[in-house]
Amino acid sequence: MTGEKIYEYDLDIAGVTDYGVSLEAILAGKEKIPPQGARFDVAFEGRATGRLSGRVRGVDYLRMRTDGRIDLDIRATIETDDGCRIALSADGVAVSHPGEPIAELFENVSLTTAAAGYVWINARQIWGAGTVNLATGKIHIDAYLQ
């Protein structure tokens, strides 16, 4: 990926809210994704390291489609080590590996803050790529400033 790597984060899935079918049942093969798809709210938390370092907390309002694509709609807060808050908004896709609980993540990220030391992020585009392992509840993303 091109651009300056400004952070990477390792997150833990902190909870999943389902709407009619459980993520666990789909992953275990006990249920199929309904024809209309399935919605899950996936709460996460962890740490970012790099040029932007701090605690990350948020929710991915994801939609799982029957063709295997997962649409991401992410809202989070990065609370930097020096006490500033940065709003993270991202969309993108997750592409699952058939028969595995692992998916590749591709994110289009916008960061917003009024904190003087971080206003440089407001006008720039960030691309993120990584993986999620739904069996272990671990997420890893590398993010690059464009």
N, C-alpha and C. Protein backbone atom coordinates (compact mmCIF):
# COMPACT_ATOMS: atom_id res chain seq x y z
N MET A 1 0.85 -1.17 0.00
CA MET A 1 0.00 0.00 0.00
C MET A 1 0.90 1.23 0.00
N THR A 2 0.48 2.26 -0.72
CA THR A 2 1.28 3.48 -0.80
C THR A 2 0.91 4.45 0.30
N GLY A 3 1.74 5.47 0.46
CA GLY A 3 1.49 6.48 1.47
C GLY A 3 2.27 6.21 2.74
N GLU A 4 2.16 7.16 3.67
CA GLU A 4 2.83 7.05 4.96
C GLU A 4 1.98 6.22 5.92
N LYS A 5 2.57 5.19 6.49
CA LYS A 5 1.85 4.39 7.50
C LYS A 5 1.76 5.24 8.76
N ILE A 6 0.52 5.61 9.14
CA ILE A 6 0.36 6.49 10.31
C ILE A 6 -0.09 5.75 11.56
N TYR A 7 -0.67 4.57 11.40
CA TYR A 7 -0.98 3.76 12.57
C TYR A 7 -1.24 2.33 12.16
N GLU A 8 -1.13 1.48 13.12
CA GLU A 8 -1.65 0.13 13.01
C GLU A 8 -2.37 -0.14 14.31
N TYR A 9 -3.41 -0.93 14.23
CA TYR A 9 -4.06 -1.27 15.48
C TYR A 9 -4.41 -2.74 15.55
N ASP A 10 -4.36 -3.20 16.79
CA ASP A 10 -4.79 -4.55 17.14
C ASP A 10 -5.95 -4.40 18.10
N LEU A 11 -7.08 -4.97 17.68
CA LEU A 11 -8.31 -4.80 18.43
C LEU A 11 -8.88 -6.15 18.83
N ASP A 12 -9.66 -6.12 19.89
CA ASP A 12 -10.42 -7.29 20.32
C ASP A 12 -11.89 -7.01 20.10
N ILE A 13 -12.61 -8.01 19.59
CA ILE A 13 -14.06 -7.89 19.49
C ILE A 13 -14.61 -7.98 20.90
N ALA A 14 -15.35 -6.94 21.31
CA ALA A 14 -15.85 -6.85 22.68
C ALA A 14 -17.29 -7.30 22.82
N GLY A 15 -17.99 -7.48 21.71
CA GLY A 15 -19.37 -7.92 21.76
C GLY A 15 -20.00 -7.86 20.38
N VAL A 16 -21.02 -8.69 20.18
CA VAL A 16 -21.74 -8.73 18.90
C VAL A 16 -23.23 -8.69 19.18
N THR A 17 -23.92 -7.76 18.53
CA THR A 17 -25.38 -7.70 18.58
C THR A 17 -25.89 -8.22 17.25
N ASP A 18 -26.82 -9.20 17.29
CA ASP A 18 -27.36 -9.75 16.05
C ASP A 18 -28.81 -9.33 15.89
N TYR A 19 -29.32 -9.52 14.69
CA TYR A 19 -30.69 -9.13 14.35
C TYR A 19 -31.38 -10.29 13.62
N GLY A 20 -31.67 -11.35 14.35
CA GLY A 20 -32.45 -12.45 13.81
C GLY A 20 -31.69 -13.74 13.58
N VAL A 21 -30.40 -13.67 13.37
CA VAL A 21 -29.58 -14.87 13.23
C VAL A 21 -28.23 -14.53 13.85
N SER A 22 -27.64 -15.48 14.57
CA SER A 22 -26.39 -15.17 15.27
C SER A 22 -25.19 -15.38 14.35
N LEU A 23 -24.19 -14.58 14.57
CA LEU A 23 -22.94 -14.71 13.83
C LEU A 23 -22.30 -16.06 14.11
N GLU A 24 -22.38 -16.50 15.35
CA GLU A 24 -21.80 -17.79 15.73
C GLU A 24 -22.46 -18.93 14.95
N ALA A 25 -23.78 -18.89 14.79
CA ALA A 25 -24.49 -19.93 14.06
C ALA A 25 -24.09 -19.95 12.59
N ILE A 26 -23.90 -18.77 12.01
CA ILE A 26 -23.47 -18.70 10.60
C ILE A 26 -22.06 -19.25 10.47
N LEU A 27 -21.15 -18.84 11.36
CA LEU A 27 -19.76 -19.30 11.29
C LEU A 27 -19.64 -20.80 11.53
N ALA A 28 -20.51 -21.36 12.38
CA ALA A 28 -20.48 -22.80 12.67
C ALA A 28 -21.18 -23.63 11.60
N GLY A 29 -21.81 -22.97 10.63
CA GLY A 29 -22.52 -23.69 9.58
C GLY A 29 -23.89 -24.19 10.00
N LYS A 30 -24.37 -23.76 11.17
CA LYS A 30 -25.70 -24.17 11.65
C LYS A 30 -26.80 -23.38 10.98
N GLU A 31 -26.50 -22.17 10.54
CA GLU A 31 -27.45 -21.31 9.84
C GLU A 31 -26.78 -20.76 8.59
N LYS A 32 -27.59 -20.49 7.59
CA LYS A 32 -27.10 -19.83 6.38
C LYS A 32 -27.44 -18.35 6.46
N ILE A 33 -26.70 -17.57 5.73
CA ILE A 33 -27.03 -16.15 5.64
C ILE A 33 -28.38 -16.05 4.94
N PRO A 34 -29.35 -15.36 5.54
CA PRO A 34 -30.67 -15.24 4.90
C PRO A 34 -30.55 -14.53 3.55
N PRO A 35 -31.50 -14.76 2.64
CA PRO A 35 -31.45 -14.14 1.31
C PRO A 35 -31.31 -12.61 1.37
N GLN A 36 -31.90 -11.99 2.37
CA GLN A 36 -31.82 -10.53 2.50
C GLN A 36 -30.52 -10.07 3.18
N GLY A 37 -29.68 -11.02 3.60
CA GLY A 37 -28.45 -10.69 4.29
C GLY A 37 -28.66 -10.68 5.80
N ALA A 38 -27.61 -10.38 6.52
CA ALA A 38 -27.67 -10.34 7.98
C ALA A 38 -26.90 -9.13 8.47
N ARG A 39 -27.40 -8.53 9.54
CA ARG A 39 -26.77 -7.34 10.13
C ARG A 39 -26.25 -7.70 11.51
N PHE A 40 -25.03 -7.22 11.80
CA PHE A 40 -24.41 -7.41 13.10
C PHE A 40 -23.73 -6.12 13.52
N ASP A 41 -23.85 -5.77 14.77
CA ASP A 41 -23.12 -4.64 15.34
C ASP A 41 -21.97 -5.24 16.14
N VAL A 42 -20.75 -4.99 15.68
CA VAL A 42 -19.56 -5.59 16.30
C VAL A 42 -18.79 -4.51 17.05
N ALA A 43 -18.83 -4.58 18.38
CA ALA A 43 -18.09 -3.64 19.22
C ALA A 43 -16.65 -4.10 19.33
N PHE A 44 -15.72 -3.14 19.33
CA PHE A 44 -14.31 -3.49 19.42
C PHE A 44 -13.56 -2.46 20.24
N GLU A 45 -12.39 -2.87 20.73
CA GLU A 45 -11.51 -1.97 21.47
C GLU A 45 -10.09 -2.51 21.42
N GLY A 46 -9.14 -1.59 21.57
CA GLY A 46 -7.74 -1.99 21.54
C GLY A 46 -6.85 -0.76 21.47
N ARG A 47 -5.65 -0.93 20.89
CA ARG A 47 -4.66 0.15 20.83
C ARG A 47 -4.17 0.37 19.42
N ALA A 48 -3.96 1.65 19.12
CA ALA A 48 -3.28 2.05 17.89
C ALA A 48 -1.86 2.44 18.26
N THR A 49 -0.92 2.11 17.39
CA THR A 49 0.46 2.52 17.58
C THR A 49 0.96 3.15 16.29
N GLY A 50 1.95 4.02 16.40
CA GLY A 50 2.49 4.72 15.25
C GLY A 50 2.38 6.21 15.45
N ARG A 51 2.30 6.95 14.35
CA ARG A 51 2.16 8.42 14.44
C ARG A 51 0.92 8.80 15.23
N LEU A 52 -0.15 8.03 15.08
CA LEU A 52 -1.34 8.16 15.93
C LEU A 52 -1.34 6.99 16.89
N SER A 53 -1.11 7.25 18.15
CA SER A 53 -1.08 6.19 19.15
C SER A 53 -2.11 6.47 20.23
N GLY A 54 -2.81 5.44 20.66
CA GLY A 54 -3.77 5.60 21.73
C GLY A 54 -4.79 4.49 21.75
N ARG A 55 -5.79 4.70 22.57
CA ARG A 55 -6.86 3.71 22.74
C ARG A 55 -7.91 3.89 21.65
N VAL A 56 -8.39 2.78 21.11
CA VAL A 56 -9.41 2.78 20.06
C VAL A 56 -10.62 2.03 20.58
N ARG A 57 -11.81 2.63 20.43
CA ARG A 57 -13.07 1.98 20.79
C ARG A 57 -14.11 2.34 19.74
N GLY A 58 -14.94 1.37 19.37
CA GLY A 58 -15.97 1.68 18.40
C GLY A 58 -16.87 0.51 18.08
N VAL A 59 -17.65 0.70 17.00
CA VAL A 59 -18.60 -0.32 16.54
C VAL A 59 -18.56 -0.37 15.02
N ASP A 60 -18.59 -1.58 14.49
CA ASP A 60 -18.75 -1.80 13.06
C ASP A 60 -20.17 -2.30 12.85
N TYR A 61 -20.97 -1.54 12.11
CA TYR A 61 -22.36 -1.91 11.80
C TYR A 61 -22.33 -2.67 10.48
N LEU A 62 -21.92 -3.91 10.52
CA LEU A 62 -21.66 -4.64 9.28
C LEU A 62 -22.88 -5.35 8.75
N ARG A 63 -22.86 -5.52 7.42
CA ARG A 63 -23.91 -6.24 6.71
C ARG A 63 -23.26 -7.40 5.96
N MET A 64 -23.69 -8.62 6.27
CA MET A 64 -23.15 -9.81 5.64
C MET A 64 -24.08 -10.20 4.49
N ARG A 65 -23.52 -10.31 3.29
CA ARG A 65 -24.30 -10.63 2.11
C ARG A 65 -24.16 -12.10 1.75
N THR A 66 -25.12 -12.63 1.01
CA THR A 66 -25.10 -14.04 0.65
C THR A 66 -23.99 -14.38 -0.34
N ASP A 67 -23.45 -13.40 -1.05
CA ASP A 67 -22.36 -13.66 -2.00
C ASP A 67 -20.99 -13.70 -1.33
N GLY A 68 -20.95 -13.59 0.01
CA GLY A 68 -19.69 -13.66 0.74
C GLY A 68 -19.08 -12.33 1.09
N ARG A 69 -19.57 -11.27 0.48
CA ARG A 69 -19.06 -9.93 0.78
C ARG A 69 -19.67 -9.44 2.09
N ILE A 70 -18.86 -8.74 2.86
CA ILE A 70 -19.33 -8.11 4.10
C ILE A 70 -19.08 -6.62 3.96
N ASP A 71 -20.14 -5.82 4.02
CA ASP A 71 -20.02 -4.37 3.93
C ASP A 71 -19.78 -3.79 5.31
N LEU A 72 -18.76 -2.94 5.41
CA LEU A 72 -18.37 -2.35 6.69
C LEU A 72 -18.90 -0.93 6.82
N ASP A 73 -19.31 -0.56 8.01
CA ASP A 73 -19.74 0.80 8.35
C ASP A 73 -19.25 1.05 9.77
N ILE A 74 -18.07 1.65 9.89
CA ILE A 74 -17.34 1.73 11.15
C ILE A 74 -17.38 3.13 11.74
N ARG A 75 -17.62 3.21 13.04
CA ARG A 75 -17.54 4.47 13.79
C ARG A 75 -16.72 4.18 15.04
N ALA A 76 -15.70 5.01 15.28
CA ALA A 76 -14.83 4.76 16.42
C ALA A 76 -14.23 6.07 16.92
N THR A 77 -13.61 5.98 18.08
CA THR A 77 -12.86 7.08 18.68
C THR A 77 -11.44 6.60 18.95
N ILE A 78 -10.49 7.42 18.54
CA ILE A 78 -9.11 7.20 18.94
C ILE A 78 -8.82 8.25 20.00
N GLU A 79 -8.50 7.81 21.20
CA GLU A 79 -8.09 8.73 22.26
C GLU A 79 -6.58 8.62 22.35
N THR A 80 -5.90 9.66 21.88
CA THR A 80 -4.45 9.62 21.77
C THR A 80 -3.80 9.56 23.14
N ASP A 81 -2.54 9.16 23.15
CA ASP A 81 -1.80 9.04 24.40
C ASP A 81 -1.65 10.39 25.10
N ASP A 82 -1.76 11.49 24.34
CA ASP A 82 -1.68 12.82 24.97
C ASP A 82 -3.06 13.41 25.28
N GLY A 83 -4.10 12.56 25.25
CA GLY A 83 -5.43 12.97 25.71
C GLY A 83 -6.35 13.62 24.70
N CYS A 84 -5.99 13.63 23.41
CA CYS A 84 -6.87 14.20 22.39
C CYS A 84 -7.78 13.11 21.83
N ARG A 85 -8.93 13.53 21.31
CA ARG A 85 -9.86 12.59 20.70
C ARG A 85 -9.96 12.85 19.21
N ILE A 86 -9.96 11.75 18.46
CA ILE A 86 -10.09 11.79 17.01
C ILE A 86 -11.25 10.87 16.64
N ALA A 87 -12.17 11.41 15.85
CA ALA A 87 -13.30 10.60 15.37
C ALA A 87 -12.88 9.85 14.11
N LEU A 88 -13.17 8.55 14.09
CA LEU A 88 -12.87 7.71 12.95
C LEU A 88 -14.18 7.26 12.33
N SER A 89 -14.28 7.43 11.03
CA SER A 89 -15.43 6.95 10.27
C SER A 89 -14.86 6.20 9.07
N ALA A 90 -15.36 4.99 8.82
CA ALA A 90 -14.82 4.22 7.70
C ALA A 90 -15.91 3.35 7.09
N ASP A 91 -15.76 3.14 5.80
CA ASP A 91 -16.55 2.12 5.13
C ASP A 91 -15.57 1.22 4.42
N GLY A 92 -16.07 0.18 3.83
CA GLY A 92 -15.19 -0.75 3.14
C GLY A 92 -15.82 -2.11 3.05
N VAL A 93 -14.99 -3.09 2.79
CA VAL A 93 -15.48 -4.46 2.64
C VAL A 93 -14.57 -5.43 3.40
N ALA A 94 -15.17 -6.53 3.76
CA ALA A 94 -14.43 -7.68 4.27
C ALA A 94 -14.71 -8.83 3.31
N VAL A 95 -13.67 -9.52 2.94
CA VAL A 95 -13.81 -10.66 2.03
C VAL A 95 -13.42 -11.90 2.81
N SER A 96 -14.39 -12.77 3.02
CA SER A 96 -14.13 -13.95 3.84
C SER A 96 -13.42 -15.04 3.05
N HIS A 97 -12.69 -15.86 3.77
CA HIS A 97 -12.06 -17.05 3.20
C HIS A 97 -13.05 -18.18 3.36
N PRO A 98 -13.50 -18.81 2.27
CA PRO A 98 -14.50 -19.88 2.38
C PRO A 98 -14.09 -20.96 3.37
N GLY A 99 -15.01 -21.30 4.28
CA GLY A 99 -14.79 -22.33 5.25
C GLY A 99 -13.90 -21.94 6.42
N GLU A 100 -13.49 -20.68 6.47
CA GLU A 100 -12.62 -20.20 7.55
C GLU A 100 -13.25 -18.99 8.22
N PRO A 101 -12.91 -18.75 9.47
CA PRO A 101 -13.46 -17.57 10.16
C PRO A 101 -12.63 -16.31 9.92
N ILE A 102 -11.75 -16.34 8.93
CA ILE A 102 -10.86 -15.21 8.65
C ILE A 102 -11.34 -14.45 7.43
N ALA A 103 -11.28 -13.11 7.53
CA ALA A 103 -11.64 -12.25 6.41
C ALA A 103 -10.58 -11.16 6.24
N GLU A 104 -10.34 -10.79 5.00
CA GLU A 104 -9.47 -9.67 4.70
C GLU A 104 -10.30 -8.40 4.76
N LEU A 105 -9.71 -7.33 5.30
CA LEU A 105 -10.41 -6.06 5.48
C LEU A 105 -9.78 -4.99 4.59
N PHE A 106 -10.63 -4.19 3.95
CA PHE A 106 -10.20 -3.08 3.11
C PHE A 106 -11.07 -1.88 3.49
N GLU A 107 -10.41 -0.82 4.02
CA GLU A 107 -11.16 0.30 4.59
C GLU A 107 -10.80 1.63 3.94
N ASN A 108 -11.81 2.47 3.80
CA ASN A 108 -11.69 3.85 3.35
C ASN A 108 -11.98 4.70 4.59
N VAL A 109 -10.95 5.32 5.17
CA VAL A 109 -11.04 5.93 6.50
C VAL A 109 -10.99 7.45 6.43
N SER A 110 -11.85 8.10 7.22
CA SER A 110 -11.80 9.55 7.44
C SER A 110 -11.60 9.79 8.92
N LEU A 111 -10.66 10.67 9.24
CA LEU A 111 -10.40 11.05 10.62
C LEU A 111 -10.73 12.52 10.78
N THR A 112 -11.31 12.88 11.93
CA THR A 112 -11.73 14.26 12.17
C THR A 112 -11.44 14.64 13.61
N THR A 113 -10.87 15.85 13.78
CA THR A 113 -10.65 16.40 15.12
C THR A 113 -10.44 17.90 15.04
N ALA A 114 -10.66 18.58 16.15
CA ALA A 114 -10.32 20.00 16.28
C ALA A 114 -9.09 20.18 17.16
N ALA A 115 -8.50 19.08 17.63
CA ALA A 115 -7.31 19.14 18.48
C ALA A 115 -6.14 19.69 17.65
N ALA A 116 -5.56 20.78 18.12
CA ALA A 116 -4.55 21.52 17.35
C ALA A 116 -3.40 20.65 16.85
N GLY A 117 -2.94 19.72 17.65
CA GLY A 117 -1.81 18.90 17.25
C GLY A 117 -2.11 17.85 16.20
N TYR A 118 -3.39 17.68 15.87
CA TYR A 118 -3.78 16.63 14.93
C TYR A 118 -4.63 17.12 13.77
N VAL A 119 -4.78 18.43 13.59
CA VAL A 119 -5.64 18.93 12.51
C VAL A 119 -5.15 18.51 11.13
N TRP A 120 -3.90 18.11 11.02
CA TRP A 120 -3.35 17.67 9.74
C TRP A 120 -4.11 16.47 9.18
N ILE A 121 -4.80 15.70 10.02
CA ILE A 121 -5.51 14.52 9.54
C ILE A 121 -6.84 14.84 8.86
N ASN A 122 -7.40 16.02 9.13
CA ASN A 122 -8.74 16.35 8.64
C ASN A 122 -8.86 16.38 7.12
N ALA A 123 -7.84 16.83 6.43
CA ALA A 123 -7.92 17.02 4.98
C ALA A 123 -7.34 15.86 4.19
N ARG A 124 -6.93 14.81 4.85
CA ARG A 124 -6.24 13.73 4.16
C ARG A 124 -7.08 12.45 4.14
N GLN A 125 -6.83 11.66 3.13
CA GLN A 125 -7.49 10.36 2.97
C GLN A 125 -6.61 9.29 3.59
N ILE A 126 -7.23 8.30 4.22
CA ILE A 126 -6.50 7.18 4.80
C ILE A 126 -7.09 5.88 4.23
N TRP A 127 -6.20 4.99 3.84
CA TRP A 127 -6.62 3.66 3.40
C TRP A 127 -6.10 2.65 4.41
N GLY A 128 -6.96 1.72 4.79
CA GLY A 128 -6.57 0.69 5.75
C GLY A 128 -6.75 -0.69 5.16
N ALA A 129 -5.87 -1.60 5.55
CA ALA A 129 -5.98 -2.99 5.13
C ALA A 129 -5.55 -3.88 6.29
N GLY A 130 -6.19 -5.05 6.39
CA GLY A 130 -5.84 -5.95 7.47
C GLY A 130 -6.67 -7.21 7.43
N THR A 131 -6.84 -7.80 8.62
CA THR A 131 -7.60 -9.05 8.73
C THR A 131 -8.41 -9.06 10.02
N VAL A 132 -9.45 -9.88 10.00
CA VAL A 132 -10.19 -10.19 11.21
C VAL A 132 -10.29 -11.70 11.31
N ASN A 133 -10.08 -12.21 12.51
CA ASN A 133 -10.29 -13.63 12.78
C ASN A 133 -11.49 -13.70 13.72
N LEU A 134 -12.63 -14.09 13.18
CA LEU A 134 -13.86 -14.11 13.97
C LEU A 134 -13.86 -15.22 15.02
N ALA A 135 -13.03 -16.23 14.85
CA ALA A 135 -12.94 -17.31 15.84
C ALA A 135 -12.22 -16.84 17.09
N THR A 136 -11.17 -16.02 16.91
CA THR A 136 -10.41 -15.54 18.06
C THR A 136 -10.84 -14.16 18.51
N GLY A 137 -11.63 -13.46 17.67
CA GLY A 137 -12.06 -12.11 18.02
C GLY A 137 -10.97 -11.07 17.87
N LYS A 138 -9.99 -11.31 17.00
CA LYS A 138 -8.86 -10.40 16.82
C LYS A 138 -8.94 -9.68 15.47
N ILE A 139 -8.67 -8.37 15.50
CA ILE A 139 -8.66 -7.54 14.30
C ILE A 139 -7.31 -6.84 14.21
N HIS A 140 -6.72 -6.81 13.01
CA HIS A 140 -5.49 -6.05 12.79
C HIS A 140 -5.65 -5.20 11.54
N ILE A 141 -5.29 -3.92 11.64
CA ILE A 141 -5.35 -2.99 10.52
C ILE A 141 -4.06 -2.18 10.45
N ASP A 142 -3.55 -1.98 9.23
CA ASP A 142 -2.47 -1.04 8.95
C ASP A 142 -3.10 0.08 8.15
N ALA A 143 -2.83 1.35 8.54
CA ALA A 143 -3.47 2.50 7.91
C ALA A 143 -2.43 3.44 7.30
N TYR A 144 -2.70 3.91 6.08
CA TYR A 144 -1.76 4.72 5.32
C TYR A 144 -2.38 6.04 4.89
N LEU A 145 -1.68 7.11 5.20
CA LEU A 145 -2.09 8.46 4.85
C LEU A 145 -1.79 8.69 3.38
N GLN A 146 -2.77 9.17 2.64
CA GLN A 146 -2.59 9.43 1.20
C GLN A 146 -2.37 10.91 0.95
